[in-house]
Amino acid sequence: GICAINYGSVVNCENTGDIKAEASIAGGICGFSHNSSVIGCKNSGDVTCVQYAGGICGYDEYGLIENCENNGSVTASAYAGGIAGRSLTESSYTLFGSSLILSGEDKGRIYSCINSGDVGAADQYAGGICGYSCYLIENCVNEGRIGAENARNCGGICGYADRGAILACVNTGTVSCMDGCAGIAAYSGAPIVICLSA
């Protein structure tokens, strides 16, 4: 939408056009983003590719996505997210009492983002915020419909939360799939704290 590959910062940008990739990795704002920031951006175009499709970033690693909004539909065979299709970092969190304890560098966060677009993955990993996440997903909201008839691992916030954490998030969208559906995360190896699915 705005850039195919991001190694810097993308701030206050908007995309309204549809994005379609014949192969993998497509995003309404960035296709691939590494060790970078995407802040205050908005997408209303539909995003479609084979895998790693995101309303804001298709594939984001070691970065920050903050105060972004997606209103377009996101569709892929796998790894589809209203904000990011796939997010990768080496950091992890553990829950100690009511506090999250970070292990590793603080790199990898999706913060204060909203998705209202429908997200579908024909095979697996569809999420209102992220399809497959290792990030801290904090203070985010999903309002879109998530899933597909024959899909697996679909969640209102995250399809598959490998590491990271999900904190203070809300899902109001419907989630439907063949196997592994949940209002917040279909699978989670990460702490889920103060979240609501209604």
N, C-alpha and C. Protein backbone atom coordinates (compact mmCIF):
# COMPACT_ATOMS: atom_id res chain seq x y z
N GLY A 1 0.82 -1.20 0.00
CA GLY A 1 0.00 0.00 0.00
C GLY A 1 0.86 1.25 0.00
N ILE A 2 1.64 1.43 1.07
CA ILE A 2 2.55 2.57 1.16
C ILE A 2 3.96 2.15 0.79
N CYS A 3 4.44 1.03 1.36
CA CYS A 3 5.77 0.54 0.99
C CYS A 3 5.78 -0.99 1.05
N ALA A 4 6.56 -1.60 0.17
CA ALA A 4 6.66 -3.06 0.15
C ALA A 4 7.53 -3.55 1.30
N ILE A 5 8.66 -2.85 1.55
CA ILE A 5 9.60 -3.25 2.59
C ILE A 5 9.94 -2.03 3.44
N ASN A 6 9.84 -2.17 4.76
CA ASN A 6 10.09 -1.05 5.68
C ASN A 6 11.21 -1.40 6.64
N TYR A 7 12.27 -0.57 6.62
CA TYR A 7 13.36 -0.67 7.59
C TYR A 7 13.49 0.60 8.42
N GLY A 8 12.49 1.46 8.35
CA GLY A 8 12.56 2.74 9.07
C GLY A 8 11.30 3.01 9.85
N SER A 9 10.64 4.13 9.55
CA SER A 9 9.40 4.50 10.22
C SER A 9 8.37 4.94 9.19
N VAL A 10 7.15 4.49 9.38
CA VAL A 10 6.03 4.94 8.56
C VAL A 10 5.02 5.56 9.52
N VAL A 11 4.75 6.85 9.35
CA VAL A 11 3.95 7.59 10.33
C VAL A 11 2.82 8.35 9.63
N ASN A 12 1.62 8.22 10.16
CA ASN A 12 0.45 8.99 9.71
C ASN A 12 0.20 8.86 8.21
N CYS A 13 0.22 7.63 7.74
CA CYS A 13 -0.06 7.37 6.33
C CYS A 13 -1.39 6.64 6.19
N GLU A 14 -2.00 6.78 5.02
CA GLU A 14 -3.30 6.13 4.78
C GLU A 14 -3.33 5.50 3.40
N ASN A 15 -3.87 4.29 3.35
CA ASN A 15 -4.09 3.61 2.08
C ASN A 15 -5.58 3.32 1.91
N THR A 16 -6.10 3.63 0.71
CA THR A 16 -7.50 3.35 0.41
C THR A 16 -7.65 2.36 -0.75
N GLY A 17 -6.55 1.98 -1.37
CA GLY A 17 -6.61 1.09 -2.52
C GLY A 17 -6.50 -0.37 -2.12
N ASP A 18 -7.09 -1.25 -2.92
CA ASP A 18 -6.99 -2.69 -2.68
C ASP A 18 -5.59 -3.19 -3.02
N ILE A 19 -5.12 -4.16 -2.22
CA ILE A 19 -3.79 -4.73 -2.41
C ILE A 19 -3.95 -6.22 -2.69
N LYS A 20 -3.39 -6.69 -3.80
CA LYS A 20 -3.46 -8.10 -4.13
C LYS A 20 -2.10 -8.58 -4.61
N ALA A 21 -1.54 -9.56 -3.89
CA ALA A 21 -0.26 -10.16 -4.27
C ALA A 21 -0.50 -11.57 -4.76
N GLU A 22 0.13 -11.92 -5.87
CA GLU A 22 -0.04 -13.27 -6.42
C GLU A 22 0.70 -14.31 -5.58
N ALA A 23 1.70 -13.86 -4.83
CA ALA A 23 2.46 -14.78 -3.97
C ALA A 23 2.19 -14.43 -2.51
N SER A 24 3.25 -14.30 -1.71
CA SER A 24 3.10 -14.08 -0.27
C SER A 24 3.49 -12.67 0.14
N ILE A 25 3.01 -12.27 1.29
CA ILE A 25 3.33 -11.03 2.01
C ILE A 25 2.71 -9.79 1.35
N ALA A 26 1.62 -9.34 1.95
CA ALA A 26 0.95 -8.12 1.50
C ALA A 26 0.34 -7.42 2.70
N GLY A 27 0.45 -6.09 2.70
CA GLY A 27 -0.12 -5.30 3.79
C GLY A 27 -0.70 -4.01 3.28
N GLY A 28 -1.72 -3.52 3.97
CA GLY A 28 -2.33 -2.26 3.58
C GLY A 28 -1.38 -1.09 3.67
N ILE A 29 -0.44 -1.14 4.60
CA ILE A 29 0.58 -0.09 4.73
C ILE A 29 1.95 -0.63 4.33
N CYS A 30 2.40 -1.72 4.95
CA CYS A 30 3.70 -2.33 4.62
C CYS A 30 3.53 -3.82 4.35
N GLY A 31 4.25 -4.30 3.35
CA GLY A 31 4.27 -5.74 3.14
C GLY A 31 5.12 -6.42 4.20
N PHE A 32 6.40 -6.06 4.24
CA PHE A 32 7.35 -6.61 5.21
C PHE A 32 7.99 -5.46 5.98
N SER A 33 8.05 -5.61 7.32
CA SER A 33 8.64 -4.56 8.16
C SER A 33 9.59 -5.19 9.16
N HIS A 34 10.84 -4.66 9.23
CA HIS A 34 11.86 -5.23 10.11
C HIS A 34 12.44 -4.15 11.02
N ASN A 35 12.39 -4.40 12.35
CA ASN A 35 13.00 -3.50 13.33
C ASN A 35 12.57 -2.05 13.09
N SER A 36 11.30 -1.86 12.85
CA SER A 36 10.78 -0.58 12.40
C SER A 36 9.52 -0.19 13.15
N SER A 37 9.04 1.01 12.87
CA SER A 37 7.82 1.51 13.50
C SER A 37 6.79 1.86 12.44
N VAL A 38 5.55 1.49 12.71
CA VAL A 38 4.41 1.91 11.89
C VAL A 38 3.41 2.53 12.87
N ILE A 39 3.24 3.84 12.78
CA ILE A 39 2.49 4.58 13.80
C ILE A 39 1.43 5.47 13.15
N GLY A 40 0.23 5.43 13.69
CA GLY A 40 -0.83 6.34 13.26
C GLY A 40 -1.28 6.15 11.83
N CYS A 41 -1.25 4.91 11.34
CA CYS A 41 -1.61 4.65 9.95
C CYS A 41 -2.99 4.01 9.84
N LYS A 42 -3.60 4.17 8.68
CA LYS A 42 -4.96 3.68 8.47
C LYS A 42 -5.09 3.03 7.10
N ASN A 43 -5.75 1.89 7.06
CA ASN A 43 -6.01 1.21 5.80
C ASN A 43 -7.50 0.91 5.66
N SER A 44 -8.04 1.19 4.48
CA SER A 44 -9.43 0.83 4.19
C SER A 44 -9.54 -0.02 2.92
N GLY A 45 -8.38 -0.37 2.34
CA GLY A 45 -8.39 -1.22 1.16
C GLY A 45 -8.40 -2.70 1.54
N ASP A 46 -8.93 -3.54 0.66
CA ASP A 46 -8.91 -4.98 0.88
C ASP A 46 -7.53 -5.54 0.55
N VAL A 47 -7.06 -6.48 1.38
CA VAL A 47 -5.72 -7.06 1.21
C VAL A 47 -5.86 -8.56 0.97
N THR A 48 -5.24 -9.05 -0.10
CA THR A 48 -5.34 -10.46 -0.47
C THR A 48 -3.98 -10.98 -0.93
N CYS A 49 -3.58 -12.15 -0.42
CA CYS A 49 -2.39 -12.83 -0.92
C CYS A 49 -2.44 -14.29 -0.50
N VAL A 50 -1.39 -15.06 -0.84
CA VAL A 50 -1.38 -16.48 -0.52
C VAL A 50 -1.22 -16.69 0.98
N GLN A 51 -0.23 -16.02 1.59
CA GLN A 51 -0.05 -16.08 3.04
C GLN A 51 0.65 -14.81 3.51
N TYR A 52 0.55 -14.53 4.82
CA TYR A 52 1.08 -13.31 5.43
C TYR A 52 0.40 -12.06 4.88
N ALA A 53 -0.90 -11.97 5.17
CA ALA A 53 -1.69 -10.80 4.77
C ALA A 53 -2.12 -10.04 6.02
N GLY A 54 -1.89 -8.73 6.01
CA GLY A 54 -2.26 -7.90 7.15
C GLY A 54 -2.88 -6.59 6.73
N GLY A 55 -3.85 -6.13 7.49
CA GLY A 55 -4.45 -4.84 7.17
C GLY A 55 -3.46 -3.70 7.26
N ILE A 56 -2.47 -3.82 8.14
CA ILE A 56 -1.41 -2.82 8.26
C ILE A 56 -0.09 -3.39 7.74
N CYS A 57 0.38 -4.51 8.30
CA CYS A 57 1.63 -5.15 7.86
C CYS A 57 1.39 -6.64 7.60
N GLY A 58 1.92 -7.11 6.49
CA GLY A 58 1.80 -8.53 6.21
C GLY A 58 2.67 -9.37 7.14
N TYR A 59 3.95 -9.00 7.24
CA TYR A 59 4.92 -9.72 8.09
C TYR A 59 5.76 -8.67 8.81
N ASP A 60 5.65 -8.67 10.14
CA ASP A 60 6.36 -7.67 10.94
C ASP A 60 7.27 -8.37 11.95
N GLU A 61 8.55 -7.97 11.98
CA GLU A 61 9.46 -8.59 12.95
C GLU A 61 10.25 -7.53 13.70
N TYR A 62 10.35 -7.74 15.03
CA TYR A 62 11.12 -6.88 15.94
C TYR A 62 10.68 -5.42 15.85
N GLY A 63 9.41 -5.17 15.65
CA GLY A 63 8.96 -3.80 15.42
C GLY A 63 7.84 -3.34 16.32
N LEU A 64 7.31 -2.18 16.01
CA LEU A 64 6.22 -1.56 16.74
C LEU A 64 5.14 -1.14 15.75
N ILE A 65 3.91 -1.56 16.03
CA ILE A 65 2.75 -1.07 15.29
C ILE A 65 1.84 -0.41 16.32
N GLU A 66 1.63 0.88 16.18
CA GLU A 66 0.94 1.64 17.23
C GLU A 66 -0.11 2.57 16.64
N ASN A 67 -1.27 2.63 17.30
CA ASN A 67 -2.35 3.56 16.92
C ASN A 67 -2.71 3.45 15.44
N CYS A 68 -2.83 2.22 14.97
CA CYS A 68 -3.21 2.00 13.58
C CYS A 68 -4.61 1.42 13.49
N GLU A 69 -5.24 1.61 12.34
CA GLU A 69 -6.62 1.18 12.15
C GLU A 69 -6.79 0.52 10.79
N ASN A 70 -7.45 -0.62 10.79
CA ASN A 70 -7.78 -1.29 9.54
C ASN A 70 -9.28 -1.46 9.41
N ASN A 71 -9.81 -1.06 8.24
CA ASN A 71 -11.22 -1.22 7.95
C ASN A 71 -11.46 -2.10 6.72
N GLY A 72 -10.39 -2.55 6.08
CA GLY A 72 -10.52 -3.38 4.89
C GLY A 72 -10.53 -4.86 5.23
N SER A 73 -11.04 -5.67 4.33
CA SER A 73 -11.01 -7.12 4.53
C SER A 73 -9.61 -7.65 4.26
N VAL A 74 -9.26 -8.73 4.95
CA VAL A 74 -7.94 -9.36 4.80
C VAL A 74 -8.15 -10.85 4.54
N THR A 75 -7.57 -11.35 3.45
CA THR A 75 -7.80 -12.72 3.04
C THR A 75 -6.51 -13.39 2.60
N ALA A 76 -6.27 -14.61 3.11
CA ALA A 76 -5.11 -15.40 2.72
C ALA A 76 -5.41 -16.87 2.97
N SER A 77 -4.55 -17.74 2.47
CA SER A 77 -4.67 -19.16 2.82
C SER A 77 -4.27 -19.39 4.27
N ALA A 78 -3.26 -18.65 4.72
CA ALA A 78 -2.77 -18.76 6.09
C ALA A 78 -2.12 -17.45 6.52
N TYR A 79 -2.06 -17.22 7.83
CA TYR A 79 -1.44 -16.03 8.41
C TYR A 79 -2.12 -14.75 7.93
N ALA A 80 -3.36 -14.58 8.36
CA ALA A 80 -4.13 -13.37 8.02
C ALA A 80 -4.51 -12.65 9.31
N GLY A 81 -4.24 -11.35 9.36
CA GLY A 81 -4.56 -10.57 10.55
C GLY A 81 -5.08 -9.20 10.20
N GLY A 82 -6.00 -8.70 11.01
CA GLY A 82 -6.54 -7.36 10.76
C GLY A 82 -5.48 -6.29 10.84
N ILE A 83 -4.48 -6.48 11.69
CA ILE A 83 -3.36 -5.54 11.78
C ILE A 83 -2.10 -6.16 11.16
N ALA A 84 -1.71 -7.36 11.61
CA ALA A 84 -0.52 -8.03 11.06
C ALA A 84 -0.83 -9.50 10.80
N GLY A 85 -0.33 -10.00 9.66
CA GLY A 85 -0.51 -11.41 9.37
C GLY A 85 0.36 -12.29 10.25
N ARG A 86 1.62 -11.89 10.39
CA ARG A 86 2.59 -12.64 11.20
C ARG A 86 3.50 -11.64 11.89
N SER A 87 3.76 -11.88 13.18
CA SER A 87 4.72 -11.03 13.91
C SER A 87 5.74 -11.92 14.59
N LEU A 88 7.00 -11.52 14.51
CA LEU A 88 8.10 -12.36 15.00
C LEU A 88 9.05 -11.55 15.87
N THR A 89 9.38 -12.09 17.05
CA THR A 89 10.43 -11.55 17.91
C THR A 89 10.90 -12.67 18.83
N GLU A 90 12.06 -12.47 19.45
CA GLU A 90 12.58 -13.49 20.36
C GLU A 90 12.15 -13.25 21.80
N SER A 91 11.53 -12.11 22.07
CA SER A 91 11.11 -11.77 23.43
C SER A 91 9.95 -12.66 23.88
N SER A 92 9.83 -12.82 25.18
CA SER A 92 8.68 -13.55 25.74
C SER A 92 8.29 -12.93 27.07
N TYR A 93 7.08 -13.25 27.53
CA TYR A 93 6.57 -12.71 28.78
C TYR A 93 6.07 -13.85 29.66
N THR A 94 6.24 -13.67 30.96
CA THR A 94 5.64 -14.58 31.93
C THR A 94 4.80 -13.74 32.89
N LEU A 95 3.78 -14.38 33.44
CA LEU A 95 2.89 -13.69 34.36
C LEU A 95 3.31 -13.97 35.79
N PHE A 96 3.61 -12.90 36.53
CA PHE A 96 3.99 -13.02 37.94
C PHE A 96 3.00 -12.22 38.75
N GLY A 97 2.10 -12.93 39.45
CA GLY A 97 1.00 -12.24 40.10
C GLY A 97 0.10 -11.62 39.05
N SER A 98 -0.01 -10.31 39.06
CA SER A 98 -0.78 -9.61 38.02
C SER A 98 0.11 -8.80 37.10
N SER A 99 1.43 -9.06 37.15
CA SER A 99 2.39 -8.31 36.34
C SER A 99 3.01 -9.18 35.26
N LEU A 100 3.27 -8.57 34.11
CA LEU A 100 3.97 -9.26 33.03
C LEU A 100 5.46 -9.00 33.16
N ILE A 101 6.26 -10.07 33.14
CA ILE A 101 7.70 -9.96 33.24
C ILE A 101 8.31 -10.27 31.87
N LEU A 102 9.06 -9.31 31.34
CA LEU A 102 9.67 -9.45 30.02
C LEU A 102 10.97 -10.22 30.10
N SER A 103 11.15 -11.16 29.18
CA SER A 103 12.41 -11.87 29.02
C SER A 103 12.95 -11.54 27.64
N GLY A 104 14.12 -10.92 27.58
CA GLY A 104 14.69 -10.48 26.31
C GLY A 104 14.46 -9.01 26.07
N GLU A 105 14.80 -8.55 24.88
CA GLU A 105 14.65 -7.14 24.52
C GLU A 105 13.18 -6.80 24.30
N ASP A 106 12.84 -5.55 24.58
CA ASP A 106 11.48 -5.08 24.36
C ASP A 106 11.32 -4.69 22.89
N LYS A 107 11.30 -5.70 22.04
CA LYS A 107 11.12 -5.48 20.60
C LYS A 107 10.00 -6.38 20.13
N GLY A 108 8.93 -5.78 19.70
CA GLY A 108 7.80 -6.55 19.22
C GLY A 108 6.52 -6.23 19.95
N ARG A 109 5.78 -5.23 19.44
CA ARG A 109 4.56 -4.80 20.12
C ARG A 109 3.54 -4.27 19.12
N ILE A 110 2.28 -4.67 19.35
CA ILE A 110 1.15 -4.08 18.64
C ILE A 110 0.32 -3.39 19.71
N TYR A 111 0.21 -2.07 19.62
CA TYR A 111 -0.36 -1.29 20.71
C TYR A 111 -1.46 -0.35 20.21
N SER A 112 -2.59 -0.37 20.89
CA SER A 112 -3.70 0.56 20.64
C SER A 112 -4.12 0.58 19.17
N CYS A 113 -4.37 -0.59 18.63
CA CYS A 113 -4.82 -0.70 17.25
C CYS A 113 -6.25 -1.24 17.20
N ILE A 114 -6.96 -0.90 16.12
CA ILE A 114 -8.35 -1.30 15.95
C ILE A 114 -8.53 -1.94 14.58
N ASN A 115 -9.21 -3.06 14.56
CA ASN A 115 -9.60 -3.68 13.31
C ASN A 115 -11.11 -3.82 13.25
N SER A 116 -11.70 -3.36 12.14
CA SER A 116 -13.12 -3.58 11.91
C SER A 116 -13.37 -4.37 10.63
N GLY A 117 -12.30 -4.74 9.93
CA GLY A 117 -12.43 -5.50 8.69
C GLY A 117 -12.58 -6.99 8.94
N ASP A 118 -13.22 -7.68 8.02
CA ASP A 118 -13.33 -9.13 8.11
C ASP A 118 -12.00 -9.78 7.74
N VAL A 119 -11.64 -10.84 8.48
CA VAL A 119 -10.36 -11.52 8.27
C VAL A 119 -10.62 -13.00 8.04
N GLY A 120 -10.11 -13.53 6.93
CA GLY A 120 -10.31 -14.93 6.62
C GLY A 120 -9.04 -15.62 6.17
N ALA A 121 -8.79 -16.81 6.72
CA ALA A 121 -7.68 -17.66 6.28
C ALA A 121 -8.28 -19.01 5.89
N ALA A 122 -8.16 -19.39 4.64
CA ALA A 122 -8.80 -20.61 4.16
C ALA A 122 -8.25 -21.85 4.85
N ASP A 123 -6.97 -21.81 5.26
CA ASP A 123 -6.35 -22.96 5.90
C ASP A 123 -6.24 -22.76 7.42
N GLN A 124 -5.41 -21.79 7.85
CA GLN A 124 -5.23 -21.60 9.30
C GLN A 124 -4.63 -20.23 9.62
N TYR A 125 -4.69 -19.88 10.91
CA TYR A 125 -4.11 -18.69 11.50
C TYR A 125 -4.76 -17.39 11.00
N ALA A 126 -5.95 -17.13 11.50
CA ALA A 126 -6.63 -15.86 11.26
C ALA A 126 -6.92 -15.19 12.59
N GLY A 127 -6.61 -13.90 12.68
CA GLY A 127 -6.84 -13.17 13.91
C GLY A 127 -7.30 -11.75 13.65
N GLY A 128 -8.15 -11.24 14.52
CA GLY A 128 -8.62 -9.87 14.35
C GLY A 128 -7.50 -8.85 14.43
N ILE A 129 -6.48 -9.13 15.23
CA ILE A 129 -5.32 -8.26 15.30
C ILE A 129 -4.12 -8.90 14.61
N CYS A 130 -3.80 -10.16 14.96
CA CYS A 130 -2.66 -10.83 14.33
C CYS A 130 -2.99 -12.30 14.09
N GLY A 131 -2.58 -12.81 12.93
CA GLY A 131 -2.83 -14.21 12.61
C GLY A 131 -2.00 -15.15 13.46
N TYR A 132 -0.69 -14.91 13.48
CA TYR A 132 0.26 -15.72 14.26
C TYR A 132 1.24 -14.75 14.91
N SER A 133 1.24 -14.71 16.24
CA SER A 133 1.97 -13.64 16.93
C SER A 133 2.97 -14.14 17.96
N CYS A 134 4.11 -13.46 18.00
CA CYS A 134 5.08 -13.59 19.08
C CYS A 134 5.20 -12.27 19.85
N TYR A 135 4.37 -11.29 19.52
CA TYR A 135 4.43 -9.94 20.07
C TYR A 135 3.59 -9.80 21.34
N LEU A 136 3.83 -8.70 22.05
CA LEU A 136 2.89 -8.20 23.04
C LEU A 136 1.80 -7.45 22.29
N ILE A 137 0.58 -7.93 22.41
CA ILE A 137 -0.58 -7.25 21.81
C ILE A 137 -1.33 -6.58 22.95
N GLU A 138 -1.34 -5.27 22.94
CA GLU A 138 -1.87 -4.53 24.10
C GLU A 138 -2.88 -3.47 23.69
N ASN A 139 -3.97 -3.40 24.44
CA ASN A 139 -4.97 -2.35 24.28
C ASN A 139 -5.52 -2.27 22.86
N CYS A 140 -5.81 -3.43 22.30
CA CYS A 140 -6.32 -3.49 20.93
C CYS A 140 -7.76 -3.98 20.91
N VAL A 141 -8.46 -3.63 19.83
CA VAL A 141 -9.87 -3.98 19.68
C VAL A 141 -10.12 -4.58 18.31
N ASN A 142 -10.86 -5.68 18.28
CA ASN A 142 -11.33 -6.23 17.02
C ASN A 142 -12.85 -6.19 16.98
N GLU A 143 -13.38 -5.69 15.85
CA GLU A 143 -14.82 -5.64 15.63
C GLU A 143 -15.23 -6.45 14.40
N GLY A 144 -14.25 -6.97 13.67
CA GLY A 144 -14.54 -7.67 12.42
C GLY A 144 -14.86 -9.15 12.61
N ARG A 145 -15.44 -9.76 11.57
CA ARG A 145 -15.71 -11.19 11.56
C ARG A 145 -14.43 -11.94 11.20
N ILE A 146 -14.16 -13.02 11.94
CA ILE A 146 -12.90 -13.74 11.80
C ILE A 146 -13.17 -15.20 11.45
N GLY A 147 -12.39 -15.74 10.49
CA GLY A 147 -12.43 -17.16 10.21
C GLY A 147 -12.86 -17.50 8.80
N ALA A 148 -13.01 -18.79 8.58
CA ALA A 148 -13.48 -19.33 7.31
C ALA A 148 -14.01 -20.73 7.58
N GLU A 149 -14.84 -21.21 6.68
CA GLU A 149 -15.56 -22.47 6.92
C GLU A 149 -14.66 -23.64 7.25
N ASN A 150 -13.56 -23.79 6.53
CA ASN A 150 -12.68 -24.95 6.72
C ASN A 150 -11.37 -24.60 7.41
N ALA A 151 -11.31 -23.45 8.04
CA ALA A 151 -10.06 -22.97 8.65
C ALA A 151 -9.84 -23.55 10.05
N ARG A 152 -8.59 -23.45 10.50
CA ARG A 152 -8.21 -23.84 11.85
C ARG A 152 -7.48 -22.67 12.52
N ASN A 153 -7.54 -22.66 13.85
CA ASN A 153 -6.82 -21.66 14.65
C ASN A 153 -7.21 -20.22 14.28
N CYS A 154 -8.43 -19.87 14.62
CA CYS A 154 -8.94 -18.53 14.36
C CYS A 154 -9.34 -17.88 15.69
N GLY A 155 -8.89 -16.66 15.92
CA GLY A 155 -9.18 -15.99 17.18
C GLY A 155 -9.59 -14.54 16.97
N GLY A 156 -10.42 -14.04 17.86
CA GLY A 156 -10.87 -12.66 17.76
C GLY A 156 -9.74 -11.65 17.85
N ILE A 157 -8.73 -11.96 18.65
CA ILE A 157 -7.54 -11.10 18.73
C ILE A 157 -6.37 -11.75 17.98
N CYS A 158 -6.10 -13.02 18.27
CA CYS A 158 -4.96 -13.69 17.64
C CYS A 158 -5.32 -15.15 17.33
N GLY A 159 -4.95 -15.61 16.14
CA GLY A 159 -5.18 -16.99 15.80
C GLY A 159 -4.30 -17.94 16.61
N TYR A 160 -3.01 -17.63 16.65
CA TYR A 160 -2.02 -18.47 17.33
C TYR A 160 -1.02 -17.55 18.02
N ALA A 161 -1.07 -17.52 19.35
CA ALA A 161 -0.15 -16.68 20.13
C ALA A 161 0.99 -17.56 20.62
N ASP A 162 2.09 -17.55 19.91
CA ASP A 162 3.22 -18.43 20.20
C ASP A 162 3.95 -18.00 21.46
N ARG A 163 4.35 -16.74 21.49
CA ARG A 163 5.00 -16.16 22.67
C ARG A 163 4.35 -14.80 22.92
N GLY A 164 5.10 -13.87 23.50
CA GLY A 164 4.54 -12.55 23.76
C GLY A 164 3.47 -12.60 24.82
N ALA A 165 2.45 -11.75 24.66
CA ALA A 165 1.33 -11.69 25.61
C ALA A 165 0.19 -10.94 24.96
N ILE A 166 -1.00 -11.12 25.51
CA ILE A 166 -2.18 -10.38 25.07
C ILE A 166 -2.74 -9.68 26.30
N LEU A 167 -2.74 -8.36 26.27
CA LEU A 167 -3.08 -7.57 27.45
C LEU A 167 -4.14 -6.53 27.13
N ALA A 168 -5.21 -6.52 27.92
CA ALA A 168 -6.24 -5.47 27.86
C ALA A 168 -6.81 -5.30 26.45
N CYS A 169 -7.20 -6.41 25.84
CA CYS A 169 -7.77 -6.38 24.50
C CYS A 169 -9.24 -6.78 24.53
N VAL A 170 -9.99 -6.32 23.53
CA VAL A 170 -11.43 -6.59 23.45
C VAL A 170 -11.78 -7.09 22.06
N ASN A 171 -12.56 -8.17 22.02
CA ASN A 171 -13.11 -8.66 20.76
C ASN A 171 -14.62 -8.61 20.81
N THR A 172 -15.24 -7.97 19.81
CA THR A 172 -16.70 -7.98 19.69
C THR A 172 -17.14 -8.63 18.38
N GLY A 173 -16.19 -9.13 17.61
CA GLY A 173 -16.52 -9.76 16.34
C GLY A 173 -16.82 -11.24 16.50
N THR A 174 -17.55 -11.80 15.54
CA THR A 174 -17.83 -13.23 15.55
C THR A 174 -16.64 -14.01 15.01
N VAL A 175 -16.41 -15.20 15.56
CA VAL A 175 -15.31 -16.06 15.13
C VAL A 175 -15.90 -17.41 14.75
N SER A 176 -15.60 -17.88 13.54
CA SER A 176 -16.12 -19.17 13.10
C SER A 176 -15.08 -19.88 12.25
N CYS A 177 -14.94 -21.19 12.47
CA CYS A 177 -14.00 -21.99 11.68
C CYS A 177 -14.30 -23.46 11.91
N MET A 178 -13.52 -24.34 11.30
CA MET A 178 -13.74 -25.77 11.43
C MET A 178 -13.21 -26.31 12.75
N ASP A 179 -12.03 -25.81 13.16
CA ASP A 179 -11.38 -26.37 14.35
C ASP A 179 -10.51 -25.31 15.01
N GLY A 180 -10.68 -25.13 16.31
CA GLY A 180 -9.85 -24.20 17.07
C GLY A 180 -10.29 -22.76 16.93
N CYS A 181 -11.43 -22.42 17.52
CA CYS A 181 -11.95 -21.05 17.48
C CYS A 181 -12.03 -20.49 18.89
N ALA A 182 -11.71 -19.22 19.05
CA ALA A 182 -11.81 -18.59 20.37
C ALA A 182 -12.01 -17.10 20.23
N GLY A 183 -12.62 -16.50 21.24
CA GLY A 183 -12.87 -15.06 21.22
C GLY A 183 -11.62 -14.23 21.32
N ILE A 184 -10.59 -14.75 22.02
CA ILE A 184 -9.33 -14.01 22.14
C ILE A 184 -8.23 -14.68 21.32
N ALA A 185 -7.82 -15.91 21.69
CA ALA A 185 -6.78 -16.63 20.94
C ALA A 185 -7.14 -18.10 20.85
N ALA A 186 -7.07 -18.66 19.63
CA ALA A 186 -7.38 -20.07 19.46
C ALA A 186 -6.36 -20.94 20.18
N TYR A 187 -5.08 -20.59 20.06
CA TYR A 187 -4.01 -21.26 20.81
C TYR A 187 -3.16 -20.18 21.45
N SER A 188 -2.75 -20.41 22.69
CA SER A 188 -1.88 -19.43 23.35
C SER A 188 -0.81 -20.11 24.19
N GLY A 189 0.43 -19.82 23.86
CA GLY A 189 1.55 -20.15 24.73
C GLY A 189 2.00 -18.92 25.47
N ALA A 190 1.15 -17.90 25.45
CA ALA A 190 1.46 -16.59 26.03
C ALA A 190 0.41 -16.22 27.06
N PRO A 191 0.77 -15.39 28.05
CA PRO A 191 -0.23 -14.93 29.03
C PRO A 191 -1.31 -14.08 28.35
N ILE A 192 -2.55 -14.30 28.77
CA ILE A 192 -3.67 -13.46 28.35
C ILE A 192 -4.23 -12.79 29.60
N VAL A 193 -4.19 -11.46 29.63
CA VAL A 193 -4.49 -10.72 30.86
C VAL A 193 -5.52 -9.63 30.60
N ILE A 194 -6.56 -9.58 31.39
CA ILE A 194 -7.59 -8.52 31.37
C ILE A 194 -8.14 -8.32 29.96
N CYS A 195 -8.63 -9.40 29.36
CA CYS A 195 -9.22 -9.32 28.03
C CYS A 195 -10.70 -9.66 28.08
N LEU A 196 -11.44 -9.22 27.06
CA LEU A 196 -12.86 -9.43 27.01
C LEU A 196 -13.28 -9.81 25.59
N SER A 197 -14.10 -10.85 25.49
CA SER A 197 -14.75 -11.20 24.22
C SER A 197 -16.24 -11.21 24.46
N ALA A 198 -16.96 -10.40 23.68
CA ALA A 198 -18.40 -10.27 23.90
C ALA A 198 -19.17 -10.44 22.60
